[in-house]
Amino acid sequence: LEEAIAAVRAAAAGIRARAFAATPSYNACRSCAYNQICPFTATRE
């Protein structure tokens, strides 16, 4: 339970800091609305 709480707190801190680093992967990029214009799109590999 403590690990889950820590993960949620870390995610919340990232959201508050507006830290949205790109994490391209086939599964993420193929359903992303921005995959046609995103320079990080993994489907272009």
C-alpha atoms as a PDB file:
ATOM      1  CA  LEU A   1       0.000   0.000   0.000  1.00  0.00           C
ATOM      2  CA  GLU A   2       2.828   2.397   0.820  1.00  0.00           C
ATOM      3  CA  GLU A   3       4.353   1.860  -2.633  1.00  0.00           C
ATOM      4  CA  ALA A   4       1.036   2.691  -4.303  1.00  0.00           C
ATOM      5  CA  ILE A   5       0.660   5.848  -2.235  1.00  0.00           C
ATOM      6  CA  ALA A   6       4.206   6.892  -3.146  1.00  0.00           C
ATOM      7  CA  ALA A   7       3.514   6.275  -6.846  1.00  0.00           C
ATOM      8  CA  VAL A   8       0.354   8.393  -6.736  1.00  0.00           C
ATOM      9  CA  ARG A   9       2.173  11.185  -4.916  1.00  0.00           C
ATOM     10  CA  ALA A  10       4.989  11.111  -7.474  1.00  0.00           C
ATOM     11  CA  ALA A  11       2.496  11.246 -10.339  1.00  0.00           C
ATOM     12  CA  ALA A  12       0.650  14.137  -8.709  1.00  0.00           C
ATOM     13  CA  ALA A  13       3.909  16.032  -8.200  1.00  0.00           C
ATOM     14  CA  GLY A  14       4.777  15.563 -11.872  1.00  0.00           C
ATOM     15  CA  ILE A  15       1.368  16.825 -12.936  1.00  0.00           C
ATOM     16  CA  ARG A  16       1.654  19.881 -10.703  1.00  0.00           C
ATOM     17  CA  ALA A  17       5.135  20.577 -12.130  1.00  0.00           C
ATOM     18  CA  ARG A  18       3.762  20.129 -15.667  1.00  0.00           C
ATOM     19  CA  ALA A  19       6.437  17.518 -16.313  1.00  0.00           C
ATOM     20  CA  PHE A  20       5.072  15.512 -19.222  1.00  0.00           C
ATOM     21  CA  ALA A  21       8.101  13.861 -20.784  1.00  0.00           C
ATOM     22  CA  ALA A  22       7.472  11.921 -23.959  1.00  0.00           C
ATOM     23  CA  THR A  23       7.632   8.168 -23.454  1.00  0.00           C
ATOM     24  CA  PRO A  24       7.168   6.791 -26.950  1.00  0.00           C
ATOM     25  CA  SER A  25       6.312   3.155 -27.449  1.00  0.00           C
ATOM     26  CA  TYR A  26       4.413   1.247 -30.091  1.00  0.00           C
ATOM     27  CA  ASN A  27       1.351   0.781 -27.872  1.00  0.00           C
ATOM     28  CA  ALA A  28       1.267   4.391 -26.706  1.00  0.00           C
ATOM     29  CA  CYS A  29       1.976   6.017 -30.061  1.00  0.00           C
ATOM     30  CA  ARG A  30      -0.405   4.022 -32.206  1.00  0.00           C
ATOM     31  CA  SER A  31      -3.444   5.312 -30.310  1.00  0.00           C
ATOM     32  CA  CYS A  32      -2.191   8.848 -29.663  1.00  0.00           C
ATOM     33  CA  ALA A  33      -4.122  11.688 -31.276  1.00  0.00           C
ATOM     34  CA  TYR A  34      -0.849  13.480 -32.083  1.00  0.00           C
ATOM     35  CA  ASN A  35       1.068  10.617 -33.699  1.00  0.00           C
ATOM     36  CA  GLN A  36       0.983  12.244 -37.151  1.00  0.00           C
ATOM     37  CA  ILE A  37       2.837  15.359 -35.982  1.00  0.00           C
ATOM     38  CA  CYS A  38       4.827  14.194 -32.962  1.00  0.00           C
ATOM     39  CA  PRO A  39       8.602  13.957 -33.525  1.00  0.00           C
ATOM     40  CA  PHE A  40       8.802  11.203 -30.900  1.00  0.00           C
ATOM     41  CA  THR A  41       6.274   8.861 -32.493  1.00  0.00           C
ATOM     42  CA  ALA A  42       7.602   5.330 -32.148  1.00  0.00           C
ATOM     43  CA  THR A  43       5.608   4.123 -35.142  1.00  0.00           C
ATOM     44  CA  ARG A  44       7.956   6.030 -37.461  1.00  0.00           C
ATOM     45  CA  GLU A  45      10.861   3.734 -36.648  1.00  0.00           C
END
